[in-house]
Amino acid sequence: TEKISMNNNKTTGVAILILKKLDVKSKMVTRDEKGQYIIIKGFILQEDLTIINTYVSNLEAPKYRKQLITNIKVLIANNTTIVGDFNTLLRTMDRSSKQEINKETMALSDMVDQMYLTDIFRTFHSNAAEYKFF
């Protein structure tokens, strides 16, 4: 099963692919018009489930990240999985330079902490330093 969110000219988009044999039942699918997120609320084996996939482009990152955080906050419940690319580095150790973290990134980091979300990469690679260069 696939759920896709794509912008009008099909240049950006995200998808959630679900193995059919998992038998996930969708109650609600929310997409944005820019193709930058998709949210599925449903259940699997009678357990509530929320899956959010997002992509934040470099060009719209600060403004969009703030709006996305606002939208996501009301949807997060038990059994929520958020995946995707926020195009920011939440931790100083992930940065090649020690530049200051901007307020939008701090807001995202605060949301992660306040909602008890877990950075799975950091759970399994607590001391790894990964850098992206553009």
C-alpha atoms as a PDB file:
ATOM      1  CA  THR A   1       0.000   0.000   0.000  1.00  0.00           C
ATOM      2  CA  GLU A   2       1.346   3.445  -0.783  1.00  0.00           C
ATOM      3  CA  LYS A   3       0.312   6.918   0.271  1.00  0.00           C
ATOM      4  CA  ILE A   4       1.896   9.832  -1.571  1.00  0.00           C
ATOM      5  CA  SER A   5       1.962  13.604  -1.116  1.00  0.00           C
ATOM      6  CA  MET A   6       3.272  15.569  -4.100  1.00  0.00           C
ATOM      7  CA  ASN A   7       3.212  19.206  -5.192  1.00  0.00           C
ATOM      8  CA  ASN A   8       1.359  20.289  -8.341  1.00  0.00           C
ATOM      9  CA  ASN A   9       4.360  20.243 -10.668  1.00  0.00           C
ATOM     10  CA  LYS A  10       5.606  16.937  -9.187  1.00  0.00           C
ATOM     11  CA  THR A  11       9.037  18.274  -8.227  1.00  0.00           C
ATOM     12  CA  THR A  12       8.815  17.437  -4.521  1.00  0.00           C
ATOM     13  CA  GLY A  13       6.982  14.822  -2.584  1.00  0.00           C
ATOM     14  CA  VAL A  14       7.065  12.252   0.185  1.00  0.00           C
ATOM     15  CA  ALA A  15       5.567   8.803   0.472  1.00  0.00           C
ATOM     16  CA  ILE A  16       4.781   6.158   3.038  1.00  0.00           C
ATOM     17  CA  LEU A  17       4.993   2.592   1.782  1.00  0.00           C
ATOM     18  CA  ILE A  18       3.330  -0.111   3.860  1.00  0.00           C
ATOM     19  CA  LEU A  19       3.691  -3.822   3.289  1.00  0.00           C
ATOM     20  CA  LYS A  20       0.236  -5.183   2.454  1.00  0.00           C
ATOM     21  CA  LYS A  21       0.578  -8.152   4.785  1.00  0.00           C
ATOM     22  CA  LEU A  22       0.925  -5.753   7.754  1.00  0.00           C
ATOM     23  CA  ASP A  23      -2.783  -4.985   7.394  1.00  0.00           C
ATOM     24  CA  VAL A  24      -2.592  -1.337   8.455  1.00  0.00           C
ATOM     25  CA  LYS A  25      -6.033   0.287   8.438  1.00  0.00           C
ATOM     26  CA  SER A  26      -6.020   4.014   7.617  1.00  0.00           C
ATOM     27  CA  LYS A  27      -8.550   6.213   9.425  1.00  0.00           C
ATOM     28  CA  MET A  28      -7.166   9.509   8.136  1.00  0.00           C
ATOM     29  CA  VAL A  29      -4.567  10.566   5.563  1.00  0.00           C
ATOM     30  CA  THR A  30      -3.446  14.212   5.565  1.00  0.00           C
ATOM     31  CA  ARG A  31      -1.269  15.683   2.811  1.00  0.00           C
ATOM     32  CA  ASP A  32      -0.033  19.207   2.266  1.00  0.00           C
ATOM     33  CA  GLU A  33      -0.310  20.941  -1.103  1.00  0.00           C
ATOM     34  CA  LYS A  34       3.462  21.371  -1.422  1.00  0.00           C
ATOM     35  CA  GLY A  35       4.169  17.668  -1.066  1.00  0.00           C
ATOM     36  CA  GLN A  36       6.287  18.222   2.027  1.00  0.00           C
ATOM     37  CA  TYR A  37       4.460  15.942   4.444  1.00  0.00           C
ATOM     38  CA  ILE A  38       2.000  13.119   4.703  1.00  0.00           C
ATOM     39  CA  ILE A  39       0.350  11.905   7.895  1.00  0.00           C
ATOM     40  CA  ILE A  40      -1.438   8.591   8.297  1.00  0.00           C
ATOM     41  CA  LYS A  41      -3.557   7.911  11.364  1.00  0.00           C
ATOM     42  CA  GLY A  42      -4.842   4.390  11.642  1.00  0.00           C
ATOM     43  CA  PHE A  43      -4.295   1.161  13.447  1.00  0.00           C
ATOM     44  CA  ILE A  44      -2.445  -2.120  13.211  1.00  0.00           C
ATOM     45  CA  LEU A  45      -3.489  -5.148  15.256  1.00  0.00           C
ATOM     46  CA  GLN A  46      -6.054  -2.939  17.018  1.00  0.00           C
ATOM     47  CA  GLU A  47      -3.328  -0.529  18.224  1.00  0.00           C
ATOM     48  CA  ASP A  48      -3.566   3.150  17.255  1.00  0.00           C
ATOM     49  CA  LEU A  49      -0.768   4.271  14.979  1.00  0.00           C
ATOM     50  CA  THR A  50       0.346   7.609  13.536  1.00  0.00           C
ATOM     51  CA  ILE A  51       3.030   7.797  10.837  1.00  0.00           C
ATOM     52  CA  ILE A  52       4.404  11.140   9.673  1.00  0.00           C
ATOM     53  CA  ASN A  53       6.848  11.516   6.790  1.00  0.00           C
ATOM     54  CA  THR A  54       8.224  14.935   5.967  1.00  0.00           C
ATOM     55  CA  TYR A  55      10.755  16.685   3.800  1.00  0.00           C
ATOM     56  CA  VAL A  56      11.729  20.271   4.534  1.00  0.00           C
ATOM     57  CA  SER A  57      13.529  21.926   1.611  1.00  0.00           C
ATOM     58  CA  ASN A  58      16.571  24.097   2.268  1.00  0.00           C
ATOM     59  CA  LEU A  59      14.872  27.095   0.685  1.00  0.00           C
ATOM     60  CA  GLU A  60      11.827  27.129   2.955  1.00  0.00           C
ATOM     61  CA  ALA A  61      13.339  25.435   5.993  1.00  0.00           C
ATOM     62  CA  PRO A  62      13.006  28.035   8.792  1.00  0.00           C
ATOM     63  CA  LYS A  63       9.464  29.163   7.949  1.00  0.00           C
ATOM     64  CA  TYR A  64       8.197  25.715   7.052  1.00  0.00           C
ATOM     65  CA  ARG A  65       9.775  23.967  10.048  1.00  0.00           C
ATOM     66  CA  LYS A  66       7.910  26.294  12.428  1.00  0.00           C
ATOM     67  CA  GLN A  67       4.568  25.635  10.692  1.00  0.00           C
ATOM     68  CA  LEU A  68       5.225  21.905  10.561  1.00  0.00           C
ATOM     69  CA  ILE A  69       5.972  21.790  14.288  1.00  0.00           C
ATOM     70  CA  THR A  70       2.672  23.550  14.970  1.00  0.00           C
ATOM     71  CA  ASN A  71       0.783  21.069  12.765  1.00  0.00           C
ATOM     72  CA  ILE A  72       2.492  17.985  14.175  1.00  0.00           C
ATOM     73  CA  LYS A  73       2.109  18.862  17.868  1.00  0.00           C
ATOM     74  CA  VAL A  74      -1.645  18.263  17.838  1.00  0.00           C
ATOM     75  CA  LEU A  75      -1.310  14.924  16.036  1.00  0.00           C
ATOM     76  CA  ILE A  76       1.315  13.223  18.167  1.00  0.00           C
ATOM     77  CA  ALA A  77       0.013  10.497  20.444  1.00  0.00           C
ATOM     78  CA  ASN A  78       1.218   7.112  21.610  1.00  0.00           C
ATOM     79  CA  ASN A  79       2.661   4.977  18.838  1.00  0.00           C
ATOM     80  CA  THR A  80       3.718   7.904  16.639  1.00  0.00           C
ATOM     81  CA  THR A  81       6.579   7.513  14.191  1.00  0.00           C
ATOM     82  CA  ILE A  82       8.074  10.591  12.514  1.00  0.00           C
ATOM     83  CA  VAL A  83      10.490  10.039   9.653  1.00  0.00           C
ATOM     84  CA  GLY A  84      11.965  12.287   7.026  1.00  0.00           C
ATOM     85  CA  ASP A  85      14.377  15.120   6.531  1.00  0.00           C
ATOM     86  CA  PHE A  86      13.989  18.354   8.497  1.00  0.00           C
ATOM     87  CA  ASN A  87      17.152  19.722   6.820  1.00  0.00           C
ATOM     88  CA  THR A  88      18.684  20.726  10.118  1.00  0.00           C
ATOM     89  CA  LEU A  89      21.127  19.332  12.621  1.00  0.00           C
ATOM     90  CA  LEU A  90      19.641  19.162  16.104  1.00  0.00           C
ATOM     91  CA  ARG A  91      22.829  18.403  18.016  1.00  0.00           C
ATOM     92  CA  THR A  92      26.095  20.334  18.097  1.00  0.00           C
ATOM     93  CA  MET A  93      28.030  17.090  17.672  1.00  0.00           C
ATOM     94  CA  ASP A  94      26.451  16.655  14.224  1.00  0.00           C
ATOM     95  CA  ARG A  95      27.887  19.929  12.956  1.00  0.00           C
ATOM     96  CA  SER A  96      31.307  20.263  11.362  1.00  0.00           C
ATOM     97  CA  SER A  97      31.638  23.760  12.822  1.00  0.00           C
ATOM     98  CA  LYS A  98      30.465  24.989  16.191  1.00  0.00           C
ATOM     99  CA  GLN A  99      28.067  27.543  14.688  1.00  0.00           C
ATOM    100  CA  GLU A 100      25.134  28.623  16.806  1.00  0.00           C
ATOM    101  CA  ILE A 101      21.879  26.742  16.526  1.00  0.00           C
ATOM    102  CA  ASN A 102      19.131  29.057  15.212  1.00  0.00           C
ATOM    103  CA  LYS A 103      15.802  29.561  16.990  1.00  0.00           C
ATOM    104  CA  GLU A 104      13.813  27.387  14.561  1.00  0.00           C
ATOM    105  CA  THR A 105      16.171  24.474  15.159  1.00  0.00           C
ATOM    106  CA  MET A 106      15.950  25.096  18.909  1.00  0.00           C
ATOM    107  CA  ALA A 107      12.136  24.972  18.652  1.00  0.00           C
ATOM    108  CA  LEU A 108      12.339  21.640  16.841  1.00  0.00           C
ATOM    109  CA  SER A 109      14.803  20.307  19.403  1.00  0.00           C
ATOM    110  CA  ASP A 110      12.546  21.491  22.246  1.00  0.00           C
ATOM    111  CA  MET A 111       9.560  19.764  20.632  1.00  0.00           C
ATOM    112  CA  VAL A 112      11.528  16.532  20.389  1.00  0.00           C
ATOM    113  CA  ASP A 113      12.404  16.778  24.096  1.00  0.00           C
ATOM    114  CA  GLN A 114       8.974  17.917  25.341  1.00  0.00           C
ATOM    115  CA  MET A 115       7.145  15.188  23.481  1.00  0.00           C
ATOM    116  CA  TYR A 116       9.602  12.505  24.555  1.00  0.00           C
ATOM    117  CA  LEU A 117      10.464  11.682  20.965  1.00  0.00           C
ATOM    118  CA  THR A 118      13.542   9.542  20.368  1.00  0.00           C
ATOM    119  CA  ASP A 119      16.222  10.149  17.768  1.00  0.00           C
ATOM    120  CA  ILE A 120      16.742   6.526  16.751  1.00  0.00           C
ATOM    121  CA  PHE A 121      20.070   7.250  15.021  1.00  0.00           C
ATOM    122  CA  ARG A 122      21.406   8.742  18.277  1.00  0.00           C
ATOM    123  CA  THR A 123      20.080   5.783  20.268  1.00  0.00           C
ATOM    124  CA  PHE A 124      22.176   3.356  18.250  1.00  0.00           C
ATOM    125  CA  HIS A 125      25.105   5.680  17.432  1.00  0.00           C
ATOM    126  CA  SER A 126      25.421   7.903  20.493  1.00  0.00           C
ATOM    127  CA  ASN A 127      28.979   9.053  19.778  1.00  0.00           C
ATOM    128  CA  ALA A 128      29.053   8.993  15.974  1.00  0.00           C
ATOM    129  CA  ALA A 129      29.733  12.283  14.246  1.00  0.00           C
ATOM    130  CA  GLU A 130      28.134  12.470  10.804  1.00  0.00           C
ATOM    131  CA  TYR A 131      28.605  15.541   8.631  1.00  0.00           C
ATOM    132  CA  LYS A 132      27.051  16.762   5.404  1.00  0.00           C
ATOM    133  CA  PHE A 133      28.946  19.170   3.201  1.00  0.00           C
ATOM    134  CA  PHE A 134      27.255  21.228   0.490  1.00  0.00           C
END
